[in-house]
Protein backbone atom coordinates (compact mmCIF):
# COMPACT_ATOMS: atom_id res chain seq x y z
CA MET A 1 -19.03 13.15 44.36
CA ASN A 2 -18.76 11.35 41.07
CA SER A 3 -22.11 10.20 41.98
CA ILE A 4 -20.93 6.39 41.66
CA SER A 5 -22.93 4.31 44.77
CA MET A 6 -19.75 3.89 46.76
CA ASN A 7 -21.07 0.62 48.38
CA ARG A 8 -21.52 -0.77 44.11
CA ASP A 9 -18.06 -1.72 42.40
CA ILE A 10 -16.79 0.36 39.74
CA ILE A 11 -16.12 -3.11 37.85
CA VAL A 12 -18.56 -5.12 37.84
CA ASP A 13 -17.56 -8.49 36.06
CA TRP A 14 -14.26 -9.37 38.04
CA GLN A 15 -13.62 -13.28 37.94
CA ALA A 16 -11.14 -15.32 40.34
CA GLN A 17 -9.08 -16.11 37.30
CA HIS A 18 -8.61 -12.67 36.47
CA GLU A 19 -6.01 -12.19 39.32
CA ARG A 20 -3.50 -14.58 37.81
CA LEU A 21 -4.45 -13.16 34.52
CA PHE A 22 -3.92 -9.21 35.15
CA GLY A 23 -0.66 -7.64 33.76
CA LEU A 24 0.49 -11.26 31.57
CA HIS A 25 -2.99 -11.23 29.15
CA ALA A 26 -5.05 -8.85 27.42
CA ILE A 27 -8.33 -8.53 29.73
CA LYS A 28 -11.97 -6.65 28.65
CA LEU A 29 -14.07 -6.18 31.59
CA ARG A 30 -16.98 -4.24 31.79
CA HIS A 31 -17.14 -0.57 34.65
CA ARG A 32 -19.28 1.63 35.48
CA LEU A 33 -17.82 5.20 34.66
CA ALA A 34 -19.88 5.75 32.41
CA GLU A 35 -22.60 5.97 35.32
CA SER A 36 -20.98 8.65 36.83
CA GLU A 37 -21.64 12.62 36.27
CA LEU A 38 -17.71 13.27 36.06
CA PHE A 39 -17.67 11.58 32.42
CA THR A 40 -20.89 13.13 30.37
CA ARG A 41 -20.35 15.18 27.57
CA GLN A 42 -21.21 18.94 29.81
CA ALA A 43 -18.56 17.39 32.29
CA VAL A 44 -15.58 16.61 30.00
CA GLY A 45 -16.80 20.31 28.58
CA LYS A 46 -16.24 21.68 31.54
CA LEU A 47 -12.98 19.49 32.51
CA ILE A 48 -11.59 21.01 29.03
CA GLU A 49 -11.78 24.87 30.28
CA ARG A 50 -10.66 23.70 33.38
CA CYS A 51 -7.26 22.08 32.20
CA PRO A 52 -4.46 24.14 32.44
CA LYS A 53 -2.49 24.43 29.57
CA SER A 54 0.56 22.63 29.29
CA HIS A 55 -1.58 19.79 29.85
CA LEU A 56 -3.80 19.87 27.32
CA GLY A 57 -2.37 17.97 24.27
CA LEU A 58 -4.26 18.35 20.53
CA GLU A 59 -2.68 16.28 17.70
CA SER A 60 -3.98 16.19 13.74
CA VAL A 61 -2.60 14.64 10.99
CA SER A 62 -1.01 17.25 7.76
CA PHE A 63 -1.26 15.20 4.50
CA ASP A 64 0.04 18.45 2.61
CA GLY A 65 3.16 16.57 1.03
CA ASP A 66 4.49 13.25 0.52
CA THR A 67 4.36 11.99 3.91
CA PRO A 68 1.49 12.88 6.14
CA ARG A 69 3.17 14.24 9.71
CA ARG A 70 1.32 14.87 13.21
CA ILE A 71 0.62 18.75 13.54
CA TYR A 72 -0.04 20.02 17.27
CA GLY A 73 -2.84 22.40 18.03
CA GLU A 74 -4.23 24.87 20.74
CA LEU A 75 -7.50 25.45 22.04
CA GLY A 76 -8.03 29.25 21.27
CA GLY A 77 -11.21 31.06 22.66
CA SER A 78 -13.49 27.73 21.74
CA SER A 79 -15.48 26.47 24.93
CA GLY A 80 -15.14 22.81 26.33
CA LEU A 81 -18.27 21.51 24.55
CA GLU A 82 -17.25 23.47 21.20
CA ALA A 83 -14.10 21.64 20.87
CA ILE A 84 -15.63 18.35 21.18
CA GLU A 85 -18.13 19.53 18.27
CA ALA A 86 -14.76 20.34 16.13
CA ILE A 87 -13.44 17.25 16.89
CA GLU A 88 -16.45 15.34 15.76
CA LYS A 89 -15.75 16.77 12.68
CA GLY A 90 -12.38 16.59 11.83
CA ARG A 91 -9.37 14.15 12.49
CA ILE A 92 -8.22 15.41 15.63
CA TRP A 93 -6.72 13.94 19.11
CA MET A 94 -7.68 15.58 22.33
CA ASN A 95 -5.61 14.59 25.45
CA ILE A 96 -6.35 16.12 28.94
CA ARG A 97 -3.75 14.99 30.80
CA ARG A 98 -3.02 14.25 34.31
CA ILE A 99 -6.14 15.20 35.93
CA MET A 100 -5.93 13.76 39.13
CA ASP A 101 -2.98 16.88 39.34
CA TRP A 102 -5.84 19.36 39.24
CA ALA A 103 -9.39 18.28 39.39
CA PRO A 104 -9.35 16.52 43.19
CA GLU A 105 -12.76 14.86 42.06
CA TYR A 106 -11.26 12.93 39.95
CA ASN A 107 -8.22 11.43 41.75
CA ASP A 108 -10.57 10.53 44.54
CA LEU A 109 -12.04 8.18 41.81
CA LEU A 110 -8.95 7.13 40.76
CA ASN A 111 -7.62 5.63 44.10
CA GLU A 112 -11.19 4.22 44.53
CA ILE A 113 -10.64 2.23 41.39
CA PHE A 114 -6.73 0.93 42.55
CA ALA A 115 -8.44 0.53 45.58
CA GLU A 116 -10.67 -2.25 44.20
CA PHE A 117 -8.13 -3.99 41.96
CA GLU A 118 -5.34 -3.95 45.14
CA ALA A 119 -8.36 -5.54 47.31
CA ARG A 120 -8.56 -7.84 44.34
CA MET A 121 -5.21 -9.04 43.80
CA SER A 122 -3.14 -9.97 46.83
CA GLY A 123 -0.05 -8.17 47.00
CA PHE A 124 -0.93 -5.70 43.91
CA LYS A 125 0.67 -2.43 45.06
CA THR A 126 0.51 0.29 43.09
CA PHE A 127 2.42 4.14 42.98
CA LYS A 128 2.77 6.92 40.37
CA ARG A 129 -1.04 6.55 39.08
CA ASN A 130 -2.68 8.53 36.49
CA ILE A 131 -5.83 9.87 34.92
CA GLY A 132 -6.26 10.83 31.95
CA VAL A 133 -9.21 11.46 28.71
CA LEU A 134 -9.03 10.99 25.54
CA VAL A 135 -11.26 13.08 23.00
CA SER A 136 -11.15 11.83 19.19
CA SER A 137 -12.65 12.08 16.06
CA PRO A 138 -14.49 9.35 14.35
CA ASN A 139 -12.33 6.85 12.23
CA ALA A 140 -9.24 8.37 13.80
CA LYS A 141 -6.41 5.92 14.32
CA VAL A 142 -3.59 5.41 16.85
CA PRO A 143 -0.21 4.22 15.35
CA TYR A 144 1.64 0.81 16.28
CA HIS A 145 3.19 1.88 19.80
CA ALA A 146 4.10 0.36 23.23
CA ASP A 147 4.04 2.15 26.78
CA ILE A 148 6.36 2.37 29.65
CA GLN A 149 3.90 2.00 32.33
CA GLY A 150 0.83 -0.32 33.22
CA GLN A 151 -1.68 0.60 31.39
CA SER A 152 -5.90 0.32 30.79
CA LEU A 153 -8.31 2.19 28.51
CA TRP A 154 -11.65 2.71 29.70
CA GLN A 155 -14.38 3.34 26.98
CA ILE A 156 -17.23 6.30 27.87
CA SER A 157 -18.74 6.82 24.44
CA GLY A 158 -18.17 5.44 20.77
CA VAL A 159 -16.51 2.35 19.69
CA LYS A 160 -12.73 1.80 19.70
CA ARG A 161 -11.55 -1.34 17.88
CA VAL A 162 -8.13 -1.96 19.72
CA PHE A 163 -5.53 -4.65 18.28
CA ILE A 164 -2.74 -6.22 21.08
CA TYR A 165 0.14 -7.77 19.57
CA PRO A 166 1.84 -10.41 21.21
CA ARG A 167 4.64 -9.65 23.79
CA SER A 168 7.66 -11.25 22.29
CA ASP A 169 10.78 -9.97 20.72
CA VAL A 170 9.84 -10.68 17.13
CA PHE A 171 7.19 -7.78 17.91
CA MET A 172 8.69 -5.62 20.53
CA PRO A 173 12.59 -6.22 20.50
CA PRO A 174 14.42 -5.04 23.59
CA GLN A 175 16.25 -2.41 21.31
CA SER A 176 12.85 -0.42 20.60
CA ILE A 177 12.07 -0.68 24.42
CA GLU A 178 15.29 0.78 25.40
CA LYS A 179 15.28 3.22 22.69
CA ILE A 180 11.44 4.49 23.97
CA LEU A 181 12.85 4.59 27.72
CA LEU A 182 15.88 6.08 26.50
CA ARG A 183 13.54 8.64 24.67
CA GLU A 184 15.48 8.52 21.70
CA THR A 185 12.22 7.76 19.20
CA ASN A 186 8.27 8.25 20.86
CA GLU A 187 5.98 5.21 21.76
CA ASP A 188 5.75 4.38 17.94
CA VAL A 189 7.93 1.41 16.98
CA PRO A 190 8.64 0.09 13.41
CA TYR A 191 5.20 -2.14 12.52
CA ARG A 192 4.43 -4.41 9.53
CA SER A 193 1.31 -5.49 8.08
CA TRP A 194 1.34 -9.08 8.51
CA PHE A 195 1.65 -8.13 12.42
CA ASP A 196 -1.92 -8.10 12.18
CA GLU A 197 -2.47 -11.41 11.78
CA PHE A 198 -1.53 -12.47 15.24
CA ALA A 199 -3.28 -9.95 17.19
CA THR A 200 -5.94 -10.38 19.61
CA VAL A 201 -8.45 -7.64 18.10
CA PHE A 202 -11.28 -6.10 20.75
CA ASP A 203 -13.95 -3.85 20.29
CA LEU A 204 -14.56 -1.66 22.80
CA HIS A 205 -18.13 -0.16 23.54
CA PRO A 206 -19.04 1.89 26.12
CA GLY A 207 -19.08 0.56 29.65
CA GLU A 208 -15.81 -1.56 28.59
CA MET A 209 -12.29 -1.57 29.47
CA LEU A 210 -9.14 -2.84 28.45
CA THR A 211 -6.03 -3.71 29.81
CA TRP A 212 -2.45 -4.94 28.30
CA PRO A 213 1.20 -7.01 29.04
CA LEU A 214 3.42 -4.38 29.87
CA TYR A 215 5.50 -2.98 26.47
CA ALA A 216 2.57 -5.31 24.63
CA PRO A 217 2.46 -3.10 21.51
CA HIS A 218 -0.84 -2.08 20.53
CA LYS A 219 -2.66 0.33 18.11
CA VAL A 220 -6.13 1.43 17.90
CA GLU A 221 -8.93 2.85 15.38
CA ASN A 222 -12.21 4.43 16.16
CA HIS A 223 -14.89 3.49 14.75
CA ASP A 224 -17.08 6.35 12.69
CA CYS A 225 -17.99 7.81 15.76
CA LEU A 226 -16.68 10.68 18.64
CA ASN A 227 -15.10 8.74 21.47
CA ILE A 228 -14.46 9.84 24.80
CA SER A 229 -12.43 7.50 26.52
CA VAL A 230 -10.12 7.59 30.17
CA THR A 231 -6.83 6.48 30.49
CA MET A 232 -5.33 5.30 33.63
CA GLU A 233 -1.71 4.60 34.47
CA HIS A 234 0.12 2.87 37.27
CA TRP A 235 3.24 1.38 38.22
CA THR A 236 4.16 -1.42 40.55
CA ARG A 237 7.76 -2.61 42.24
CA SER A 238 7.79 -4.84 38.89
CA THR A 239 7.19 -2.60 36.30
CA TRP A 240 9.26 -0.36 37.61
CA ASN A 241 12.23 -3.16 37.79
CA SER A 242 11.18 -3.25 34.38
CA TYR A 243 11.92 -0.15 33.67
CA ALA A 244 15.19 0.10 35.40
CA VAL A 245 16.55 -3.01 33.77
CA HIS A 246 15.62 -1.81 30.43
CA TYR A 247 16.87 1.39 30.67
CA GLY A 248 20.13 -0.18 32.25
CA ASN A 249 20.71 -2.23 29.63
CA GLY A 250 19.97 0.44 26.83
CA VAL A 251 22.79 2.37 28.65
CA LEU A 252 25.17 -0.39 28.50
CA ARG A 253 25.08 -1.12 24.98
CA ARG A 254 25.43 2.26 24.22
CA THR A 255 28.50 2.83 26.37
CA LEU A 256 30.28 -0.90 26.20
CA GLY A 257 28.56 -2.43 23.72
CA LEU A 258 26.66 -5.37 26.06
CA HIS A 259 24.42 -7.35 24.04
CA ASN A 260 22.10 -10.10 25.48
CA THR A 261 21.77 -9.08 28.65
CA SER A 262 19.07 -10.13 30.91
CA THR A 263 15.85 -8.14 30.10
CA GLN A 264 14.30 -10.41 33.90
CA ASP A 265 12.49 -7.65 36.24
CA HIS A 266 13.95 -9.66 39.33
CA GLY A 267 17.03 -10.71 40.79
CA LEU A 268 20.81 -9.33 42.01
CA HIS A 269 21.08 -7.64 38.25
CA VAL A 270 18.13 -5.03 38.38
CA TYR A 271 20.39 -3.08 40.94
CA PRO A 272 23.61 -2.46 39.19
CA LYS A 273 21.49 -1.71 36.32
CA ALA A 274 18.85 0.32 37.94
CA ALA A 275 22.22 2.82 39.16
CA ALA A 276 23.49 2.73 35.75
CA ALA A 277 20.09 4.25 34.61
CA ALA A 278 20.22 6.90 37.27
CA ILE A 279 24.23 7.50 36.13
CA TRP A 280 23.03 8.54 32.38
CA LYS A 281 20.35 10.14 34.02
CA LYS A 282 22.60 12.86 36.50
CA MET A 283 24.91 12.84 33.91
CA GLY A 284 22.36 15.25 31.58
CA ARG A 285 22.25 12.07 28.68
CA GLN A 286 19.22 11.45 29.23
CA ILE A 287 16.84 13.00 26.18
CA GLU A 288 14.64 15.61 27.28
CA GLY A 289 10.69 14.85 26.34
CA ASP A 290 8.93 16.18 23.44
CA VAL A 291 8.12 19.87 24.06
CA VAL A 292 5.98 21.48 21.49
CA LYS A 293 7.52 24.84 20.52
CA SER A 294 4.61 25.72 17.93
CA ARG A 295 1.38 25.47 17.12
CA ASP A 296 0.01 24.49 13.56
CA PHE A 297 -3.66 24.77 14.36
CA ARG A 298 -6.40 25.95 16.40
CA ILE A 299 -9.67 24.74 17.46
CA ALA A 300 -12.02 25.84 15.31
CA PRO A 301 -15.98 24.16 15.32
CA GLU A 302 -17.37 26.60 12.50
CA SER A 303 -14.77 24.83 10.21
CA ALA A 304 -15.96 22.09 8.12
CA ASN A 305 -13.13 20.11 9.85
CA GLY A 306 -13.03 21.43 13.00
CA LEU A 307 -9.64 23.27 12.80
CA LEU A 308 -7.98 26.42 11.57
CA ALA A 309 -4.66 26.47 10.24
CA LEU A 310 -2.52 28.74 11.46
CA THR A 311 0.48 30.70 9.53
């Protein structure tokens, strides 16, 4: 059981206007996930130990050389609680992915949450839902990027500052979206410091969640404290249509040199663009997803920075 009373809403302060705003504007709401036994420090430690190796992501940053670069790690022999202790001391990001696939109690919670959303928003139907847990170090930062599906971020402990930027071609050109969808780049996109003048900034405390428009660029900065957060993803028919249109536009740009094609997520143009995307993938033109083949560090709670470099 997740210990959240089944006769009380998980979203605490939903208002009627949120139905009109959801998916179009950034919305911050209060939630009750932090009350659940599923997200105590001990429970997250157990989750780390249960997580299949392929679903546990560990990243840090190396400052060797002129340019900082991402490095990737492994849990090694550390327990889950030891891993959290190490993350608390260092500059490490842990991503516990696709929990609903291997921990049924979290899948039950995921379904309960989206049942609430669907009950509150007429015509809102979701599929391909995903839940994960992020454990990240004090002062850790996630660079400017965008996501390809509906996203929400739920704070359990610690505080994050989240910058949400306007969903416009200035901050996220269609070509950048196409490169992300076709996996020609990761989710990071070009950023300029003046973008911050136009960002909406949220400090996310325990018991608060944030959701934002599809493809809206954002970045995240932890306050000086360990952060434990829950991420949720979802698809709707509109989200899928938008994916197909942008993907198809990318294919048409690369094969026929077509530019200025529509990005509307409805209309007859959706279907030929979806077909172009399917053909591109069937031909093997889709770039494979990132696969980490080497590990640069191991979690080391006894170390001053929480990690041990692997040679």
